[in-house]
Amino acid sequence: MKVLTVDIGSTYTKLTAIDCQKRRIMGTSQSFTTIDEDVTIGFNKAFRLLTSQEGCEDFEYDKLLVCSSAAGGLKMVALGLVPDLTAKAARTAASNAGAKVVKTFAYEISGGEQQEIYDINPDLVLLCGGTDGGNKEVIIANARRLCNIDRPFTTIVAGNKSANDDIARVFKEAGKDCVITENVMPEFNKLNIEPARDAIRQMFIARIIEAKGLNKIQVKTPYKIIPTPLAVLQACELLSKGTERQQGRGDLLAVDIGGATTDVYSMASGEPTIDNTLMKGLPEPWMKRTVEGDLGMRYSLKHVFDQLTRRDFRSEAHQQKVKEWVELCSAHPSTLAEAGSEEELIEEFLGRSAVAMAVERHCGRMADVYTPMGLMHTLEGKDLMGVPSVIGIGGVVRNSRRPVEILRGSVYDVNHAECTKPTHPKFYLDSQYIFAAMGLLRTIDEELAFELLDKNTIEITA
């Protein structure tokens, strides 16, 4: 059996041909995604490039597996009752489902906040609030305020179940779309994010199909097109846990630096590695993804530069040269640095900076607290200091001559001592750009997917 996996991204469409009988990758190819015309144009070009390679000339697939992020992520607003509880649970539910949380609101929203949601014009609103049987007045009031916003977003309701009937009636009377699912936090400090996450994923998949021509690819396969972030997440989980017959690699952190975003995936419990540490806030999921929409190597490069401070640069001259390169790349995203040039070193610096910022946002925070028992620590979020592996995914690290220099941004930094980043990790590379492909293959052959993933995730050194 031969399988073709397709990852239709916002910039590139990437193909991987797999021979399941011989248990090997036959070839890979990529072409620009033709989202403004018809994505099948880019797909067909990538397929021609694939079949022009030695050994793939007569390639015909038996199964086609597809993921996509070509239509972009869902722009989402989340409403909760308490900022540190249900609002955070909402962000967690969205993190792996293809949505980007633009803003969260707590308590009953005001008229000014209604206007802010109107201005954001989200694709989706996640309405949370209250444990089951607890406060229901706030979530009902917020439902009414959402119905008064003249925007065509869909609302997913995942709050106090006691309020569901009233909320359904409010939305029906207003003629607004809503989907009611289980409470993201049915009991205090107990998360139940999968039902809300599944609802968000379904909306993301429906959005994907809106990309021009993608429905033509969907009819070629009985398997549903899934979000690319979900495919990558499934690959990370597989590599970490392994299979019934093959041992996984254990805890890991993966960083995917794209042109517009930087995604971070952690497979770890995140429990404290330092004695006398108290956990603060909601528990974190073992499998976590965050997406940073302001950190990318082309479309968001100016945002990376704007967040750097003077001490990040070697000198004022260095700062000026980095600024000039950022302006050039922002105006011409297809610009590439020549090997061995000063611009190549600037690319490494900016890539490392994007990784550092993204991982800092993803990991937990430590703080000192003085108690009658003496000095103790608090941890909010995941402690990743003991994570032994950091994996670089995507074209930026794969195409770099010194990928380790970019991935060093993921390592613990004494200048940001509160951030629980890995202290002494080994670095690995997705050498054939196949994480999304293996996340897809996992759905039909988990053993082979792990075997190929393990073989092609190689250790790299400086």
Protein backbone atom coordinates (compact mmCIF):
# COMPACT_ATOMS: atom_id res chain seq x y z
CA MET A 1 0.00 0.00 0.00
CA LYS A 2 1.20 3.48 -0.87
CA VAL A 3 0.04 6.59 1.00
CA LEU A 4 0.25 10.24 0.01
CA THR A 5 0.05 12.82 2.79
CA VAL A 6 -0.67 16.45 1.97
CA ASP A 7 -0.16 19.47 4.22
CA ILE A 8 -1.73 22.54 2.63
CA GLY A 9 -0.24 25.42 4.56
CA SER A 10 -0.76 29.13 4.24
CA THR A 11 2.56 29.45 2.36
CA TYR A 12 3.58 26.00 1.09
CA THR A 13 1.77 22.80 0.10
CA LYS A 14 3.92 19.87 1.23
CA LEU A 15 3.62 16.27 -0.03
CA THR A 16 5.09 13.08 1.42
CA ALA A 17 4.95 9.76 -0.45
CA ILE A 18 5.12 6.65 1.76
CA ASP A 19 5.58 3.00 0.80
CA CYS A 20 3.92 1.13 3.68
CA GLN A 21 5.07 -2.31 2.50
CA LYS A 22 8.74 -1.30 2.31
CA ARG A 23 8.26 0.94 5.36
CA ARG A 24 10.00 3.97 3.94
CA ILE A 25 9.46 7.52 2.72
CA MET A 26 9.74 7.48 -1.06
CA GLY A 27 10.03 11.23 -1.49
CA THR A 28 8.83 14.67 -0.46
CA SER A 29 8.06 17.85 -2.40
CA GLN A 30 6.57 21.28 -1.88
CA SER A 31 5.12 24.14 -3.88
CA PHE A 32 3.61 27.52 -3.06
CA THR A 33 0.01 27.25 -1.87
CA THR A 34 -2.25 28.87 -4.49
CA ILE A 35 -4.89 29.99 -2.02
CA ASP A 36 -5.94 33.07 -4.01
CA GLU A 37 -6.68 30.96 -7.08
CA ASP A 38 -7.38 27.30 -6.33
CA VAL A 39 -5.34 25.18 -3.91
CA THR A 40 -5.43 22.26 -6.38
CA ILE A 41 -3.05 24.23 -8.64
CA GLY A 42 -0.35 24.21 -5.97
CA PHE A 43 -1.19 20.61 -5.09
CA ASN A 44 -0.85 19.45 -8.70
CA LYS A 45 2.45 21.30 -9.10
CA ALA A 46 3.83 19.71 -5.94
CA PHE A 47 2.67 16.30 -7.18
CA ARG A 48 4.47 16.81 -10.51
CA LEU A 49 7.63 17.73 -8.60
CA LEU A 50 7.24 14.60 -6.49
CA THR A 51 6.85 12.28 -9.47
CA SER A 52 9.85 13.85 -11.21
CA GLN A 53 12.10 12.48 -8.46
CA GLU A 54 14.05 9.28 -8.90
CA GLY A 55 12.06 6.35 -7.58
CA CYS A 56 8.74 8.23 -7.63
CA GLU A 57 8.20 8.43 -11.41
CA ASP A 58 5.29 5.95 -11.41
CA PHE A 59 3.96 6.80 -7.96
CA GLU A 60 0.24 6.20 -7.47
CA TYR A 61 -1.31 6.40 -4.05
CA ASP A 62 -3.82 4.00 -2.54
CA LYS A 63 -4.77 6.35 0.29
CA LEU A 64 -4.75 10.14 0.51
CA LEU A 65 -4.47 11.88 3.90
CA VAL A 66 -4.77 15.66 4.10
CA CYS A 67 -4.35 18.42 6.66
CA SER A 68 -4.58 22.14 6.09
CA SER A 69 -4.14 25.56 7.63
CA ALA A 70 -4.58 27.38 4.34
CA ALA A 71 -7.66 29.31 5.44
CA GLY A 72 -5.89 30.57 8.56
CA GLY A 73 -6.83 29.95 12.18
CA LEU A 74 -10.14 30.87 13.68
CA LYS A 75 -10.08 34.27 15.37
CA MET A 76 -11.65 33.68 18.76
CA VAL A 77 -12.83 35.68 21.76
CA ALA A 78 -13.37 33.92 25.10
CA LEU A 79 -15.68 35.01 27.91
CA GLY A 80 -15.46 33.59 31.43
CA LEU A 81 -16.49 34.36 34.96
CA VAL A 82 -13.14 34.57 36.78
CA PRO A 83 -9.94 35.54 34.89
CA ASP A 84 -7.70 32.87 36.43
CA LEU A 85 -10.25 30.08 36.13
CA THR A 86 -12.84 29.82 33.37
CA ALA A 87 -11.17 32.39 31.12
CA LYS A 88 -7.92 30.40 31.30
CA ALA A 89 -9.83 27.17 30.72
CA ALA A 90 -11.24 28.72 27.56
CA ARG A 91 -7.77 29.54 26.26
CA THR A 92 -6.64 25.99 27.03
CA ALA A 93 -9.59 24.52 25.13
CA ALA A 94 -8.73 26.60 22.07
CA SER A 95 -4.99 25.97 22.07
CA ASN A 96 -4.96 22.65 20.19
CA ALA A 97 -8.06 23.15 18.09
CA GLY A 98 -6.94 25.56 15.39
CA ALA A 99 -8.18 28.75 17.05
CA LYS A 100 -6.26 31.83 18.12
CA VAL A 101 -7.62 33.56 21.21
CA VAL A 102 -7.42 37.26 20.43
CA LYS A 103 -8.91 38.49 23.71
CA THR A 104 -10.45 37.10 26.89
CA PHE A 105 -13.05 38.85 29.03
CA ALA A 106 -14.06 38.11 32.62
CA TYR A 107 -17.22 38.80 34.61
CA GLU A 108 -20.22 40.48 32.97
CA ILE A 109 -19.02 42.38 29.91
CA SER A 110 -19.67 46.11 29.64
CA GLY A 111 -20.99 48.17 26.76
CA GLY A 112 -17.43 49.18 25.93
CA GLU A 113 -16.38 45.53 25.83
CA GLN A 114 -19.30 44.76 23.54
CA GLN A 115 -17.94 47.40 21.17
CA GLU A 116 -14.46 45.87 21.46
CA ILE A 117 -15.82 42.46 20.40
CA TYR A 118 -17.60 44.15 17.49
CA ASP A 119 -14.32 45.76 16.43
CA ILE A 120 -12.42 42.46 16.71
CA ASN A 121 -15.08 40.80 14.51
CA PRO A 122 -14.24 37.25 15.67
CA ASP A 123 -15.10 34.06 13.81
CA LEU A 124 -15.99 32.39 17.08
CA VAL A 125 -16.87 33.25 20.66
CA LEU A 126 -16.38 30.73 23.46
CA LEU A 127 -18.82 31.56 26.26
CA CYS A 128 -17.90 30.05 29.63
CA GLY A 129 -18.66 30.85 33.24
CA GLY A 130 -19.60 29.18 36.49
CA THR A 131 -19.20 25.64 37.75
CA ASP A 132 -22.19 23.34 37.28
CA GLY A 133 -24.87 24.43 39.72
CA GLY A 134 -23.00 27.63 40.56
CA ASN A 135 -23.41 31.20 39.35
CA LYS A 136 -25.52 31.38 36.20
CA GLU A 137 -26.57 35.04 36.14
CA VAL A 138 -23.31 36.27 34.59
CA ILE A 139 -23.21 33.77 31.73
CA ILE A 140 -26.87 34.44 30.86
CA ALA A 141 -26.25 38.20 30.92
CA ASN A 142 -23.23 37.75 28.66
CA ALA A 143 -25.30 35.64 26.27
CA ARG A 144 -27.78 38.53 25.93
CA ARG A 145 -24.97 41.03 25.36
CA LEU A 146 -23.40 38.81 22.69
CA CYS A 147 -26.73 38.60 20.89
CA ASN A 148 -26.79 42.39 20.70
CA ILE A 149 -23.48 42.50 18.78
CA ASP A 150 -24.18 42.83 15.06
CA ARG A 151 -21.52 40.42 13.84
CA PRO A 152 -21.98 36.93 12.26
CA PHE A 153 -19.83 34.94 14.72
CA THR A 154 -20.88 31.57 16.13
CA THR A 155 -20.94 31.12 19.89
CA ILE A 156 -19.89 27.89 21.61
CA VAL A 157 -21.43 27.71 25.08
CA ALA A 158 -19.37 25.70 27.58
CA GLY A 159 -20.38 26.94 31.01
CA ASN A 160 -22.71 26.18 33.92
CA LYS A 161 -25.12 23.53 32.64
CA SER A 162 -27.92 24.98 34.80
CA ALA A 163 -27.99 28.00 32.49
CA ASN A 164 -28.09 26.10 29.18
CA ASP A 165 -31.87 26.19 28.66
CA ASP A 166 -32.04 29.93 29.30
CA ILE A 167 -29.05 30.58 27.02
CA ALA A 168 -30.49 28.47 24.20
CA ARG A 169 -33.72 30.48 24.41
CA VAL A 170 -31.81 33.80 24.32
CA PHE A 171 -29.92 32.83 21.16
CA LYS A 172 -33.01 31.38 19.46
CA GLU A 173 -35.03 34.53 20.07
CA ALA A 174 -32.17 36.64 18.69
CA GLY A 175 -31.75 34.42 15.61
CA LYS A 176 -28.07 33.87 16.45
CA ASP A 177 -25.98 30.71 16.03
CA CYS A 178 -24.83 28.84 19.10
CA VAL A 179 -23.53 25.38 19.95
CA ILE A 180 -24.01 24.14 23.51
CA THR A 181 -21.51 21.66 24.91
CA GLU A 182 -20.21 20.50 28.30
CA ASN A 183 -18.80 22.91 30.88
CA VAL A 184 -15.05 23.52 30.53
CA MET A 185 -14.87 23.57 34.35
CA PRO A 186 -17.76 21.59 35.87
CA GLU A 187 -16.14 21.62 39.32
CA PHE A 188 -13.73 24.09 40.91
CA ASN A 189 -10.19 23.52 39.57
CA LYS A 190 -11.32 20.53 37.45
CA LEU A 191 -10.91 20.94 33.68
CA ASN A 192 -13.12 19.31 31.06
CA ILE A 193 -11.87 20.88 27.86
CA GLU A 194 -12.30 18.10 25.27
CA PRO A 195 -16.00 18.74 24.42
CA ALA A 196 -15.35 22.45 23.80
CA ARG A 197 -12.15 21.63 21.93
CA ASP A 198 -14.03 19.18 19.67
CA ALA A 199 -16.65 21.84 18.89
CA ILE A 200 -13.90 24.34 17.97
CA ARG A 201 -12.19 21.74 15.78
CA GLN A 202 -15.41 21.09 13.88
CA MET A 203 -15.71 24.79 13.15
CA PHE A 204 -12.06 24.92 12.09
CA ILE A 205 -12.57 22.01 9.68
CA ALA A 206 -15.64 23.70 8.20
CA ARG A 207 -13.53 26.86 7.76
CA ILE A 208 -10.74 24.90 6.07
CA ILE A 209 -13.10 23.69 3.35
CA GLU A 210 -13.81 27.32 2.46
CA ALA A 211 -10.32 27.61 0.96
CA LYS A 212 -10.75 27.74 -2.80
CA GLY A 213 -10.59 24.29 -4.35
CA LEU A 214 -10.05 22.35 -1.13
CA ASN A 215 -13.40 20.63 -1.57
CA LYS A 216 -11.99 19.15 -4.79
CA ILE A 217 -9.25 17.49 -2.75
CA GLN A 218 -11.71 16.35 -0.08
CA VAL A 219 -13.70 14.34 -2.64
CA LYS A 220 -10.52 12.41 -3.51
CA THR A 221 -10.35 10.84 -0.05
CA PRO A 222 -12.81 9.30 2.44
CA TYR A 223 -10.70 10.68 5.31
CA LYS A 224 -11.69 14.07 6.70
CA ILE A 225 -9.24 16.94 6.22
CA ILE A 226 -7.97 17.96 9.66
CA PRO A 227 -6.20 21.09 10.97
CA THR A 228 -2.42 21.00 10.49
CA PRO A 229 -1.79 21.94 14.16
CA LEU A 230 -3.77 18.86 15.20
CA ALA A 231 -1.70 16.64 12.89
CA VAL A 232 1.54 18.00 14.37
CA LEU A 233 0.18 17.58 17.89
CA GLN A 234 -0.69 13.95 17.16
CA ALA A 235 2.85 13.35 15.90
CA CYS A 236 4.38 14.93 19.01
CA GLU A 237 2.21 12.75 21.24
CA LEU A 238 3.15 9.63 19.27
CA LEU A 239 6.89 10.33 19.43
CA SER A 240 6.65 10.97 23.15
CA LYS A 241 4.46 8.02 24.17
CA GLY A 242 5.45 5.46 21.55
CA THR A 243 3.21 2.52 20.63
CA GLU A 244 2.34 -0.89 22.02
CA ARG A 245 5.47 -2.34 20.41
CA GLN A 246 7.87 0.63 20.34
CA GLN A 247 9.11 2.77 23.21
CA GLY A 248 8.58 6.51 22.96
CA ARG A 249 11.11 9.21 23.74
CA GLY A 250 9.41 10.53 26.84
CA ASP A 251 8.90 14.18 27.72
CA LEU A 252 9.67 16.63 24.94
CA LEU A 253 9.22 20.19 23.73
CA ALA A 254 8.73 20.96 20.02
CA VAL A 255 8.95 24.37 18.37
CA ASP A 256 7.60 25.14 14.89
CA ILE A 257 8.73 28.55 13.63
CA GLY A 258 6.67 29.66 10.67
CA GLY A 259 6.45 32.77 8.56
CA ALA A 260 3.51 34.17 10.50
CA THR A 261 3.38 32.25 13.79
CA THR A 262 5.51 30.22 16.16
CA ASP A 263 3.81 27.15 17.63
CA VAL A 264 5.10 25.42 20.76
CA TYR A 265 4.11 21.88 21.81
CA SER A 266 4.96 20.29 25.15
CA MET A 267 4.43 16.64 26.06
CA ALA A 268 5.09 16.63 29.81
CA SER A 269 3.21 16.69 33.10
CA GLY A 270 4.95 19.92 34.06
CA GLU A 271 5.09 19.06 37.75
CA PRO A 272 7.54 21.03 39.93
CA THR A 273 11.20 20.04 39.72
CA ILE A 274 12.18 22.17 42.72
CA ASP A 275 11.40 21.14 46.31
CA ASN A 276 9.02 23.22 48.45
CA THR A 277 6.99 24.36 45.45
CA LEU A 278 3.24 24.96 45.59
CA MET A 279 1.07 24.73 42.49
CA LYS A 280 -0.96 27.82 41.69
CA GLY A 281 -3.93 28.18 39.33
CA LEU A 282 -5.51 25.58 37.07
CA PRO A 283 -3.73 22.30 36.29
CA GLU A 284 -2.07 22.19 32.87
CA PRO A 285 -2.75 19.46 30.29
CA TRP A 286 0.00 16.91 29.65
CA MET A 287 -0.32 17.60 25.92
CA LYS A 288 -0.26 21.36 25.34
CA ARG A 289 0.02 23.61 22.30
CA THR A 290 0.30 27.38 22.17
CA VAL A 291 0.39 29.54 19.06
CA GLU A 292 2.01 32.95 19.01
CA GLY A 293 0.48 34.95 16.16
CA ASP A 294 2.90 37.86 16.59
CA LEU A 295 6.07 35.78 16.29
CA GLY A 296 7.06 34.70 12.80
CA MET A 297 10.03 34.92 10.47
CA ARG A 298 8.36 36.92 7.70
CA TYR A 299 4.80 38.16 8.07
CA SER A 300 5.24 38.81 11.81
CA LEU A 301 8.96 39.60 11.79
CA LYS A 302 8.45 43.27 12.68
CA HIS A 303 6.60 42.21 15.83
CA VAL A 304 9.60 40.08 16.85
CA PHE A 305 11.93 43.07 16.38
CA ASP A 306 9.62 45.43 18.28
CA GLN A 307 9.71 43.19 21.36
CA LEU A 308 13.49 43.10 21.57
CA THR A 309 15.24 45.39 24.04
CA ARG A 310 18.52 47.28 23.65
CA ARG A 311 20.43 44.70 25.68
CA ASP A 312 19.42 41.98 23.19
CA PHE A 313 21.65 43.58 20.53
CA ARG A 314 25.44 43.51 20.44
CA SER A 315 25.64 47.20 19.59
CA GLU A 316 23.70 50.08 18.06
CA ALA A 317 25.19 49.17 14.67
CA HIS A 318 23.93 45.61 15.07
CA GLN A 319 20.48 46.89 16.00
CA GLN A 320 20.39 49.07 12.89
CA LYS A 321 21.40 46.21 10.58
CA VAL A 322 18.76 43.93 12.10
CA LYS A 323 16.16 46.68 11.63
CA GLU A 324 17.09 47.09 7.96
CA TRP A 325 16.85 43.33 7.36
CA VAL A 326 13.45 43.18 9.10
CA GLU A 327 12.14 46.01 6.91
CA LEU A 328 13.38 44.26 3.76
CA CYS A 329 11.86 40.89 4.71
CA SER A 330 8.57 42.48 5.74
CA ALA A 331 8.28 44.23 2.39
CA HIS A 332 9.44 41.16 0.43
CA PRO A 333 8.57 37.95 2.37
CA SER A 334 10.26 35.72 -0.21
CA THR A 335 13.68 37.24 0.62
CA LEU A 336 16.30 34.66 1.61
CA ALA A 337 19.67 35.18 3.27
CA GLU A 338 22.74 34.01 1.38
CA ALA A 339 24.79 31.27 3.01
CA GLY A 340 27.73 32.69 4.93
CA SER A 341 26.41 36.25 4.83
CA GLU A 342 25.83 38.66 7.70
CA GLU A 343 22.12 38.39 6.94
CA GLU A 344 22.26 34.66 7.70
CA LEU A 345 23.55 35.48 11.19
CA ILE A 346 20.77 38.05 11.60
CA GLU A 347 18.21 35.38 10.60
CA GLU A 348 19.62 33.08 13.29
CA PHE A 349 19.42 35.89 15.86
CA LEU A 350 15.80 36.67 14.99
CA GLY A 351 14.84 32.99 14.89
CA ARG A 352 16.42 32.41 18.30
CA SER A 353 14.59 35.47 19.64
CA ALA A 354 11.23 34.22 18.33
CA VAL A 355 11.85 30.81 19.92
CA ALA A 356 12.83 32.40 23.23
CA MET A 357 9.70 34.55 23.40
CA ALA A 358 7.36 31.75 22.33
CA VAL A 359 8.74 29.20 24.81
CA GLU A 360 8.69 31.77 27.63
CA ARG A 361 4.99 32.32 27.00
CA HIS A 362 4.35 28.58 26.82
CA CYS A 363 6.13 27.48 30.00
CA GLY A 364 5.29 28.19 33.62
CA ARG A 365 6.34 30.91 36.06
CA MET A 366 8.09 30.46 39.40
CA ALA A 367 7.90 32.95 42.24
CA ASP A 368 9.24 33.08 45.79
CA VAL A 369 6.82 33.32 48.69
CA TYR A 370 7.63 33.66 52.38
CA THR A 371 5.52 31.57 54.75
CA PRO A 372 5.63 30.75 58.47
CA MET A 373 7.53 27.63 57.36
CA GLY A 374 10.17 29.75 55.63
CA LEU A 375 10.91 30.42 51.97
CA MET A 376 8.80 28.47 49.48
CA HIS A 377 8.06 28.73 45.77
CA THR A 378 4.89 28.90 43.70
CA LEU A 379 4.49 27.54 40.20
CA GLU A 380 1.83 28.70 37.77
CA GLY A 381 1.79 26.71 34.54
CA LYS A 382 4.10 23.87 33.46
CA ASP A 383 7.59 23.35 34.84
CA LEU A 384 9.61 22.25 31.79
CA MET A 385 13.06 22.63 33.35
CA GLY A 386 13.64 18.88 33.33
CA VAL A 387 12.44 18.24 29.77
CA PRO A 388 15.34 16.41 28.05
CA SER A 389 14.51 17.03 24.37
CA VAL A 390 13.77 20.07 22.22
CA ILE A 391 12.72 19.41 18.61
CA GLY A 392 12.85 21.95 15.81
CA ILE A 393 10.04 21.60 13.25
CA GLY A 394 9.60 23.56 10.05
CA GLY A 395 11.55 25.17 7.26
CA VAL A 396 13.39 27.84 9.28
CA VAL A 397 15.38 25.36 11.39
CA ARG A 398 15.54 22.67 8.70
CA ASN A 399 17.05 25.07 6.16
CA SER A 400 19.45 26.68 8.60
CA ARG A 401 23.13 25.69 8.52
CA ARG A 402 23.23 26.14 12.33
CA PRO A 403 19.80 25.10 13.64
CA VAL A 404 21.13 24.64 17.17
CA GLU A 405 21.78 28.39 17.35
CA ILE A 406 18.09 29.00 16.71
CA LEU A 407 16.86 26.34 19.15
CA ARG A 408 19.06 27.72 21.95
CA GLY A 409 16.29 30.25 22.47
CA SER A 410 14.30 27.48 24.17
CA VAL A 411 16.87 27.04 26.98
CA TYR A 412 16.57 28.43 30.51
CA ASP A 413 17.88 31.99 30.78
CA VAL A 414 19.02 33.46 34.11
CA ASN A 415 17.91 36.87 32.87
CA HIS A 416 14.36 35.48 32.93
CA ALA A 417 14.83 33.22 35.92
CA GLU A 418 11.11 32.96 36.62
CA CYS A 419 10.48 31.12 33.32
CA THR A 420 10.68 27.35 33.71
CA LYS A 421 12.31 26.57 30.35
CA PRO A 422 14.40 23.41 29.82
CA THR A 423 17.80 23.68 31.49
CA HIS A 424 19.98 21.12 29.67
CA PRO A 425 18.08 19.67 26.71
CA LYS A 426 19.43 17.83 23.70
CA PHE A 427 18.38 19.26 20.35
CA TYR A 428 16.67 17.35 17.56
CA LEU A 429 15.50 18.19 14.05
CA ASP A 430 12.52 17.10 11.96
CA SER A 431 14.98 16.33 9.16
CA GLN A 432 12.44 15.69 6.38
CA TYR A 433 9.70 18.09 7.50
CA ILE A 434 7.31 15.17 8.18
CA PHE A 435 5.72 15.79 11.58
CA ALA A 436 2.37 16.77 10.06
CA ALA A 437 2.60 13.85 7.62
CA MET A 438 3.25 11.35 10.43
CA GLY A 439 0.40 12.79 12.47
CA LEU A 440 -1.82 11.96 9.50
CA LEU A 441 -0.30 8.51 8.91
CA ARG A 442 -0.86 7.67 12.58
CA THR A 443 -4.60 7.46 11.93
CA ILE A 444 -4.15 4.39 9.70
CA ASP A 445 -0.79 2.87 10.75
CA GLU A 446 0.49 4.01 14.12
CA GLU A 447 3.45 1.63 14.23
CA LEU A 448 4.82 2.77 10.86
CA ALA A 449 4.20 6.43 11.68
CA PHE A 450 6.26 6.12 14.87
CA GLU A 451 9.00 4.16 13.10
CA LEU A 452 9.44 6.82 10.40
CA LEU A 453 9.10 9.69 12.88
CA ASP A 454 11.69 8.21 15.22
CA LYS A 455 14.10 7.54 12.34
CA ASN A 456 13.83 11.06 10.89
CA THR A 457 13.94 13.03 14.16
CA ILE A 458 17.70 13.28 14.44
CA GLU A 459 19.91 14.72 17.17
CA ILE A 460 21.87 17.82 16.17
CA THR A 461 24.87 19.48 17.80
CA ALA A 462 26.61 22.80 17.37
